[in-house]
Amino acid sequence: LAMMGDRDGARAALDQALALEPATAAFQLLRGDLEVAAGRVDAARQAFAAALQLDPDNREAAARLRRLEAGEGGSRLPAPDVR
């Protein structure tokens, strides 16, 4: 949905997914991507950190968090893999 421009719909769907499976790192990673796209860097940082707490070996979350910490924001974040 987010890739089709429906960020609100994507956020609503993700909220439902997180309500059902709050301990899923992939959902937190997607939340971070949505927050970056919306320009909410602090919320993105929290989501990526949550993904790493749930899955300390999550390379994507670690890379995205490093980019935010380096001040690169979301302009260079790759599109999320939503397969």
PDB file of N, CA and C in Angstrom:
ATOM      1  N   LEU A   1       0.818  -1.201   0.000  1.00  0.00           N
ATOM      2  CA  LEU A   1       0.000   0.000   0.000  1.00  0.00           C
ATOM      3  C   LEU A   1       0.860   1.263   0.000  1.00  0.00           C
ATOM      4  N   ALA A   2       1.890   1.248   0.814  1.00  0.00           N
ATOM      5  CA  ALA A   2       2.757   2.428   0.894  1.00  0.00           C
ATOM      6  C   ALA A   2       3.440   2.683  -0.437  1.00  0.00           C
ATOM      7  N   MET A   3       3.841   1.623  -1.118  1.00  0.00           N
ATOM      8  CA  MET A   3       4.519   1.782  -2.404  1.00  0.00           C
ATOM      9  C   MET A   3       3.566   2.315  -3.472  1.00  0.00           C
ATOM     10  N   MET A   4       2.262   2.157  -3.238  1.00  0.00           N
ATOM     11  CA  MET A   4       1.268   2.684  -4.170  1.00  0.00           C
ATOM     12  C   MET A   4       0.802   4.068  -3.752  1.00  0.00           C
ATOM     13  N   GLY A   5       1.423   4.627  -2.706  1.00  0.00           N
ATOM     14  CA  GLY A   5       1.083   5.972  -2.275  1.00  0.00           C
ATOM     15  C   GLY A   5       0.052   6.046  -1.168  1.00  0.00           C
ATOM     16  N   ASP A   6      -0.421   4.926  -0.703  1.00  0.00           N
ATOM     17  CA  ASP A   6      -1.434   4.915   0.353  1.00  0.00           C
ATOM     18  C   ASP A   6      -0.774   4.687   1.705  1.00  0.00           C
ATOM     19  N   ARG A   7      -0.064   5.710   2.184  1.00  0.00           N
ATOM     20  CA  ARG A   7       0.639   5.577   3.465  1.00  0.00           C
ATOM     21  C   ARG A   7      -0.325   5.396   4.626  1.00  0.00           C
ATOM     22  N   ASP A   8      -1.464   6.067   4.577  1.00  0.00           N
ATOM     23  CA  ASP A   8      -2.436   5.916   5.662  1.00  0.00           C
ATOM     24  C   ASP A   8      -2.967   4.488   5.710  1.00  0.00           C
ATOM     25  N   GLY A   9      -3.258   3.931   4.534  1.00  0.00           N
ATOM     26  CA  GLY A   9      -3.725   2.548   4.479  1.00  0.00           C
ATOM     27  C   GLY A   9      -2.657   1.579   4.940  1.00  0.00           C
ATOM     28  N   ALA A  10      -1.424   1.856   4.552  1.00  0.00           N
ATOM     29  CA  ALA A  10      -0.310   1.001   4.977  1.00  0.00           C
ATOM     30  C   ALA A  10      -0.135   1.075   6.488  1.00  0.00           C
ATOM     31  N   ARG A  11      -0.237   2.278   7.039  1.00  0.00           N
ATOM     32  CA  ARG A  11      -0.093   2.449   8.487  1.00  0.00           C
ATOM     33  C   ARG A  11      -1.211   1.707   9.223  1.00  0.00           C
ATOM     34  N   ALA A  12      -2.431   1.791   8.715  1.00  0.00           N
ATOM     35  CA  ALA A  12      -3.561   1.110   9.353  1.00  0.00           C
ATOM     36  C   ALA A  12      -3.372  -0.404   9.307  1.00  0.00           C
ATOM     37  N   ALA A  13      -2.938  -0.918   8.165  1.00  0.00           N
ATOM     38  CA  ALA A  13      -2.710  -2.355   8.036  1.00  0.00           C
ATOM     39  C   ALA A  13      -1.586  -2.804   8.963  1.00  0.00           C
ATOM     40  N   LEU A  14      -0.530  -1.992   9.052  1.00  0.00           N
ATOM     41  CA  LEU A  14       0.580  -2.331   9.926  1.00  0.00           C
ATOM     42  C   LEU A  14       0.172  -2.271  11.392  1.00  0.00           C
ATOM     43  N   ASP A  15      -0.652  -1.301  11.747  1.00  0.00           N
ATOM     44  CA  ASP A  15      -1.161  -1.226  13.125  1.00  0.00           C
ATOM     45  C   ASP A  15      -1.925  -2.495  13.490  1.00  0.00           C
ATOM     46  N   GLN A  16      -2.725  -2.997  12.552  1.00  0.00           N
ATOM     47  CA  GLN A  16      -3.470  -4.232  12.800  1.00  0.00           C
ATOM     48  C   GLN A  16      -2.520  -5.415  12.957  1.00  0.00           C
ATOM     49  N   ALA A  17      -1.512  -5.470  12.086  1.00  0.00           N
ATOM     50  CA  ALA A  17      -0.548  -6.566  12.156  1.00  0.00           C
ATOM     51  C   ALA A  17       0.203  -6.533  13.485  1.00  0.00           C
ATOM     52  N   LEU A  18       0.613  -5.336  13.905  1.00  0.00           N
ATOM     53  CA  LEU A  18       1.333  -5.204  15.172  1.00  0.00           C
ATOM     54  C   LEU A  18       0.447  -5.539  16.364  1.00  0.00           C
ATOM     55  N   ALA A  19      -0.836  -5.255  16.265  1.00  0.00           N
ATOM     56  CA  ALA A  19      -1.754  -5.606  17.343  1.00  0.00           C
ATOM     57  C   ALA A  19      -1.850  -7.122  17.505  1.00  0.00           C
ATOM     58  N   LEU A  20      -1.767  -7.831  16.381  1.00  0.00           N
ATOM     59  CA  LEU A  20      -1.844  -9.288  16.412  1.00  0.00           C
ATOM     60  C   LEU A  20      -0.509  -9.941  16.744  1.00  0.00           C
ATOM     61  N   GLU A  21       0.570  -9.358  16.260  1.00  0.00           N
ATOM     62  CA  GLU A  21       1.908  -9.937  16.431  1.00  0.00           C
ATOM     63  C   GLU A  21       2.906  -8.843  16.823  1.00  0.00           C
ATOM     64  N   PRO A  22       2.806  -8.310  18.044  1.00  0.00           N
ATOM     65  CA  PRO A  22       3.669  -7.182  18.431  1.00  0.00           C
ATOM     66  C   PRO A  22       5.148  -7.515  18.505  1.00  0.00           C
ATOM     67  N   ALA A  23       5.490  -8.783  18.632  1.00  0.00           N
ATOM     68  CA  ALA A  23       6.887  -9.167  18.771  1.00  0.00           C
ATOM     69  C   ALA A  23       7.502  -9.617  17.452  1.00  0.00           C
ATOM     70  N   THR A  24       7.050  -9.044  16.351  1.00  0.00           N
ATOM     71  CA  THR A  24       7.561  -9.403  15.034  1.00  0.00           C
ATOM     72  C   THR A  24       8.490  -8.297  14.538  1.00  0.00           C
ATOM     73  N   ALA A  25       9.769  -8.620  14.438  1.00  0.00           N
ATOM     74  CA  ALA A  25      10.767  -7.633  14.038  1.00  0.00           C
ATOM     75  C   ALA A  25      10.476  -7.058  12.646  1.00  0.00           C
ATOM     76  N   ALA A  26      10.005  -7.889  11.743  1.00  0.00           N
ATOM     77  CA  ALA A  26       9.733  -7.415  10.385  1.00  0.00           C
ATOM     78  C   ALA A  26       8.674  -6.317  10.376  1.00  0.00           C
ATOM     79  N   PHE A  27       7.687  -6.425  11.246  1.00  0.00           N
ATOM     80  CA  PHE A  27       6.662  -5.374  11.322  1.00  0.00           C
ATOM     81  C   PHE A  27       7.255  -4.079  11.862  1.00  0.00           C
ATOM     82  N   GLN A  28       8.163  -4.192  12.832  1.00  0.00           N
ATOM     83  CA  GLN A  28       8.815  -2.998  13.357  1.00  0.00           C
ATOM     84  C   GLN A  28       9.700  -2.351  12.289  1.00  0.00           C
ATOM     85  N   LEU A  29      10.345  -3.179  11.479  1.00  0.00           N
ATOM     86  CA  LEU A  29      11.167  -2.669  10.382  1.00  0.00           C
ATOM     87  C   LEU A  29      10.302  -1.893   9.385  1.00  0.00           C
ATOM     88  N   LEU A  30       9.161  -2.461   9.044  1.00  0.00           N
ATOM     89  CA  LEU A  30       8.238  -1.765   8.142  1.00  0.00           C
ATOM     90  C   LEU A  30       7.725  -0.470   8.760  1.00  0.00           C
ATOM     91  N   ARG A  31       7.446  -0.505  10.058  1.00  0.00           N
ATOM     92  CA  ARG A  31       7.005   0.701  10.766  1.00  0.00           C
ATOM     93  C   ARG A  31       8.086   1.786  10.630  1.00  0.00           C
ATOM     94  N   GLY A  32       9.327   1.410  10.821  1.00  0.00           N
ATOM     95  CA  GLY A  32      10.420   2.366  10.676  1.00  0.00           C
ATOM     96  C   GLY A  32      10.486   2.949   9.279  1.00  0.00           C
ATOM     97  N   ASP A  33      10.323   2.104   8.277  1.00  0.00           N
ATOM     98  CA  ASP A  33      10.334   2.592   6.894  1.00  0.00           C
ATOM     99  C   ASP A  33       9.204   3.586   6.649  1.00  0.00           C
ATOM    100  N   LEU A  34       8.017   3.281   7.174  1.00  0.00           N
ATOM    101  CA  LEU A  34       6.888   4.211   7.025  1.00  0.00           C
ATOM    102  C   LEU A  34       7.165   5.533   7.731  1.00  0.00           C
ATOM    103  N   GLU A  35       7.759   5.462   8.900  1.00  0.00           N
ATOM    104  CA  GLU A  35       8.061   6.681   9.656  1.00  0.00           C
ATOM    105  C   GLU A  35       9.102   7.523   8.929  1.00  0.00           C
ATOM    106  N   VAL A  36      10.113   6.887   8.364  1.00  0.00           N
ATOM    107  CA  VAL A  36      11.119   7.623   7.589  1.00  0.00           C
ATOM    108  C   VAL A  36      10.454   8.320   6.409  1.00  0.00           C
ATOM    109  N   ALA A  37       9.603   7.590   5.696  1.00  0.00           N
ATOM    110  CA  ALA A  37       8.924   8.154   4.526  1.00  0.00           C
ATOM    111  C   ALA A  37       8.064   9.353   4.903  1.00  0.00           C
ATOM    112  N   ALA A  38       7.547   9.338   6.136  1.00  0.00           N
ATOM    113  CA  ALA A  38       6.704  10.442   6.608  1.00  0.00           C
ATOM    114  C   ALA A  38       7.530  11.558   7.257  1.00  0.00           C
ATOM    115  N   GLY A  39       8.849  11.370   7.321  1.00  0.00           N
ATOM    116  CA  GLY A  39       9.709  12.388   7.899  1.00  0.00           C
ATOM    117  C   GLY A  39       9.770  12.372   9.411  1.00  0.00           C
ATOM    118  N   ARG A  40       9.297  11.302  10.022  1.00  0.00           N
ATOM    119  CA  ARG A  40       9.311  11.182  11.490  1.00  0.00           C
ATOM    120  C   ARG A  40      10.517  10.350  11.919  1.00  0.00           C
ATOM    121  N   VAL A  41      11.664  11.008  11.948  1.00  0.00           N
ATOM    122  CA  VAL A  41      12.930  10.330  12.189  1.00  0.00           C
ATOM    123  C   VAL A  41      12.991   9.712  13.580  1.00  0.00           C
ATOM    124  N   ASP A  42      12.528  10.412  14.598  1.00  0.00           N
ATOM    125  CA  ASP A  42      12.576   9.853  15.955  1.00  0.00           C
ATOM    126  C   ASP A  42      11.723   8.591  16.068  1.00  0.00           C
ATOM    127  N   ALA A  43      10.539   8.607  15.479  1.00  0.00           N
ATOM    128  CA  ALA A  43       9.670   7.430  15.501  1.00  0.00           C
ATOM    129  C   ALA A  43      10.310   6.287  14.704  1.00  0.00           C
ATOM    130  N   ALA A  44      10.963   6.619  13.597  1.00  0.00           N
ATOM    131  CA  ALA A  44      11.655   5.603  12.804  1.00  0.00           C
ATOM    132  C   ALA A  44      12.781   4.983  13.619  1.00  0.00           C
ATOM    133  N   ARG A  45      13.539   5.815  14.300  1.00  0.00           N
ATOM    134  CA  ARG A  45      14.638   5.332  15.135  1.00  0.00           C
ATOM    135  C   ARG A  45      14.106   4.362  16.193  1.00  0.00           C
ATOM    136  N   GLN A  46      12.990   4.700  16.813  1.00  0.00           N
ATOM    137  CA  GLN A  46      12.395   3.828  17.833  1.00  0.00           C
ATOM    138  C   GLN A  46      11.962   2.490  17.235  1.00  0.00           C
ATOM    139  N   ALA A  47      11.371   2.548  16.048  1.00  0.00           N
ATOM    140  CA  ALA A  47      10.910   1.316  15.403  1.00  0.00           C
ATOM    141  C   ALA A  47      12.078   0.421  15.014  1.00  0.00           C
ATOM    142  N   PHE A  48      13.141   1.004  14.444  1.00  0.00           N
ATOM    143  CA  PHE A  48      14.308   0.195  14.073  1.00  0.00           C
ATOM    144  C   PHE A  48      14.975  -0.388  15.320  1.00  0.00           C
ATOM    145  N   ALA A  49      15.034   0.388  16.386  1.00  0.00           N
ATOM    146  CA  ALA A  49      15.604  -0.111  17.644  1.00  0.00           C
ATOM    147  C   ALA A  49      14.746  -1.252  18.197  1.00  0.00           C
ATOM    148  N   ALA A  50      13.432  -1.129  18.085  1.00  0.00           N
ATOM    149  CA  ALA A  50      12.536  -2.198  18.542  1.00  0.00           C
ATOM    150  C   ALA A  50      12.760  -3.461  17.721  1.00  0.00           C
ATOM    151  N   ALA A  51      12.943  -3.306  16.414  1.00  0.00           N
ATOM    152  CA  ALA A  51      13.220  -4.468  15.563  1.00  0.00           C
ATOM    153  C   ALA A  51      14.500  -5.156  16.009  1.00  0.00           C
ATOM    154  N   LEU A  52      15.516  -4.371  16.356  1.00  0.00           N
ATOM    155  CA  LEU A  52      16.776  -4.956  16.809  1.00  0.00           C
ATOM    156  C   LEU A  52      16.650  -5.615  18.180  1.00  0.00           C
ATOM    157  N   GLN A  53      15.805  -5.077  19.033  1.00  0.00           N
ATOM    158  CA  GLN A  53      15.581  -5.732  20.323  1.00  0.00           C
ATOM    159  C   GLN A  53      14.928  -7.092  20.130  1.00  0.00           C
ATOM    160  N   LEU A  54      14.026  -7.165  19.180  1.00  0.00           N
ATOM    161  CA  LEU A  54      13.328  -8.423  18.906  1.00  0.00           C
ATOM    162  C   LEU A  54      14.206  -9.412  18.151  1.00  0.00           C
ATOM    163  N   ASP A  55      15.065  -8.883  17.289  1.00  0.00           N
ATOM    164  CA  ASP A  55      15.935  -9.712  16.457  1.00  0.00           C
ATOM    165  C   ASP A  55      17.293  -9.030  16.348  1.00  0.00           C
ATOM    166  N   PRO A  56      18.185  -9.274  17.304  1.00  0.00           N
ATOM    167  CA  PRO A  56      19.477  -8.596  17.323  1.00  0.00           C
ATOM    168  C   PRO A  56      20.340  -8.830  16.083  1.00  0.00           C
ATOM    169  N   ASP A  57      20.048  -9.865  15.312  1.00  0.00           N
ATOM    170  CA  ASP A  57      20.822 -10.162  14.105  1.00  0.00           C
ATOM    171  C   ASP A  57      20.196  -9.570  12.843  1.00  0.00           C
ATOM    172  N   ASN A  58      19.186  -8.730  12.991  1.00  0.00           N
ATOM    173  CA  ASN A  58      18.493  -8.157  11.839  1.00  0.00           C
ATOM    174  C   ASN A  58      19.377  -7.091  11.189  1.00  0.00           C
ATOM    175  N   ARG A  59      20.016  -7.473  10.096  1.00  0.00           N
ATOM    176  CA  ARG A  59      20.966  -6.581   9.415  1.00  0.00           C
ATOM    177  C   ARG A  59      20.282  -5.350   8.820  1.00  0.00           C
ATOM    178  N   GLU A  60      19.092  -5.540   8.294  1.00  0.00           N
ATOM    179  CA  GLU A  60      18.384  -4.405   7.686  1.00  0.00           C
ATOM    180  C   GLU A  60      18.056  -3.344   8.730  1.00  0.00           C
ATOM    181  N   ALA A  61      17.549  -3.763   9.871  1.00  0.00           N
ATOM    182  CA  ALA A  61      17.221  -2.813  10.938  1.00  0.00           C
ATOM    183  C   ALA A  61      18.484  -2.112  11.429  1.00  0.00           C
ATOM    184  N   ALA A  62      19.564  -2.862  11.586  1.00  0.00           N
ATOM    185  CA  ALA A  62      20.826  -2.265  12.041  1.00  0.00           C
ATOM    186  C   ALA A  62      21.331  -1.242  11.035  1.00  0.00           C
ATOM    187  N   ALA A  63      21.260  -1.570   9.759  1.00  0.00           N
ATOM    188  CA  ALA A  63      21.739  -0.637   8.728  1.00  0.00           C
ATOM    189  C   ALA A  63      20.890   0.623   8.688  1.00  0.00           C
ATOM    190  N   ARG A  64      19.594   0.465   8.771  1.00  0.00           N
ATOM    191  CA  ARG A  64      18.714   1.635   8.737  1.00  0.00           C
ATOM    192  C   ARG A  64      18.938   2.520   9.965  1.00  0.00           C
ATOM    193  N   LEU A  65      19.106   1.898  11.119  1.00  0.00           N
ATOM    194  CA  LEU A  65      19.358   2.662  12.331  1.00  0.00           C
ATOM    195  C   LEU A  65      20.692   3.403  12.235  1.00  0.00           C
ATOM    196  N   ARG A  66      21.719   2.746  11.715  1.00  0.00           N
ATOM    197  CA  ARG A  66      23.019   3.418  11.528  1.00  0.00           C
ATOM    198  C   ARG A  66      22.886   4.620  10.608  1.00  0.00           C
ATOM    199  N   ARG A  67      22.112   4.477   9.536  1.00  0.00           N
ATOM    200  CA  ARG A  67      21.925   5.602   8.608  1.00  0.00           C
ATOM    201  C   ARG A  67      21.231   6.772   9.297  1.00  0.00           C
ATOM    202  N   LEU A  68      20.232   6.472  10.103  1.00  0.00           N
ATOM    203  CA  LEU A  68      19.555   7.548  10.832  1.00  0.00           C
ATOM    204  C   LEU A  68      20.509   8.203  11.823  1.00  0.00           C
ATOM    205  N   GLU A  69      21.276   7.388  12.530  1.00  0.00           N
ATOM    206  CA  GLU A  69      22.215   7.925  13.510  1.00  0.00           C
ATOM    207  C   GLU A  69      23.289   8.772  12.831  1.00  0.00           C
ATOM    208  N   ALA A  70      23.634   8.423  11.602  1.00  0.00           N
ATOM    209  CA  ALA A  70      24.633   9.173  10.852  1.00  0.00           C
ATOM    210  C   ALA A  70      24.047  10.444  10.245  1.00  0.00           C
ATOM    211  N   GLY A  71      22.748  10.629  10.419  1.00  0.00           N
ATOM    212  CA  GLY A  71      22.106  11.830   9.906  1.00  0.00           C
ATOM    213  C   GLY A  71      21.731  11.767   8.443  1.00  0.00           C
ATOM    214  N   GLU A  72      21.717  10.572   7.893  1.00  0.00           N
ATOM    215  CA  GLU A  72      21.382  10.438   6.485  1.00  0.00           C
ATOM    216  C   GLU A  72      19.886  10.419   6.240  1.00  0.00           C
ATOM    217  N   GLY A  73      19.094  10.270   7.281  1.00  0.00           N
ATOM    218  CA  GLY A  73      17.641  10.265   7.105  1.00  0.00           C
ATOM    219  C   GLY A  73      17.186   9.140   6.215  1.00  0.00           C
ATOM    220  N   GLY A  74      16.091   9.365   5.524  1.00  0.00           N
ATOM    221  CA  GLY A  74      15.505   8.305   4.730  1.00  0.00           C
ATOM    222  C   GLY A  74      15.805   8.362   3.259  1.00  0.00           C
ATOM    223  N   SER A  75      16.551   9.358   2.813  1.00  0.00           N
ATOM    224  CA  SER A  75      16.732   9.524   1.379  1.00  0.00           C
ATOM    225  C   SER A  75      17.470   8.369   0.732  1.00  0.00           C
ATOM    226  N   ARG A  76      18.251   7.628   1.498  1.00  0.00           N
ATOM    227  CA  ARG A  76      19.026   6.539   0.923  1.00  0.00           C
ATOM    228  C   ARG A  76      18.555   5.179   1.383  1.00  0.00           C
ATOM    229  N   LEU A  77      17.466   5.130   2.104  1.00  0.00           N
ATOM    230  CA  LEU A  77      16.980   3.828   2.562  1.00  0.00           C
ATOM    231  C   LEU A  77      16.422   3.049   1.389  1.00  0.00           C
ATOM    232  N   PRO A  78      16.769   1.771   1.295  1.00  0.00           N
ATOM    233  CA  PRO A  78      16.203   0.959   0.224  1.00  0.00           C
ATOM    234  C   PRO A  78      14.726   0.702   0.477  1.00  0.00           C
ATOM    235  N   ALA A  79      14.028   0.388  -0.585  1.00  0.00           N
ATOM    236  CA  ALA A  79      12.615   0.053  -0.446  1.00  0.00           C
ATOM    237  C   ALA A  79      12.496  -1.205   0.394  1.00  0.00           C
ATOM    238  N   PRO A  80      11.504  -1.281   1.261  1.00  0.00           N
ATOM    239  CA  PRO A  80      11.355  -2.466   2.098  1.00  0.00           C
ATOM    240  C   PRO A  80      11.012  -3.685   1.268  1.00  0.00           C
ATOM    241  N   ASP A  81      11.527  -4.824   1.683  1.00  0.00           N
ATOM    242  CA  ASP A  81      11.228  -6.103   1.046  1.00  0.00           C
ATOM    243  C   ASP A  81       9.980  -6.643   1.723  1.00  0.00           C
ATOM    244  N   VAL A  82       8.866  -6.617   1.030  1.00  0.00           N
ATOM    245  CA  VAL A  82       7.585  -6.996   1.644  1.00  0.00           C
ATOM    246  C   VAL A  82       7.059  -8.311   1.101  1.00  0.00           C
ATOM    247  N   ARG A  83       7.959  -9.167   0.651  1.00  0.00           N
ATOM    248  CA  ARG A  83       7.541 -10.468   0.131  1.00  0.00           C
ATOM    249  C   ARG A  83       6.904 -11.311   1.177  1.00  0.00           C
TER     250      ARG A  83
END
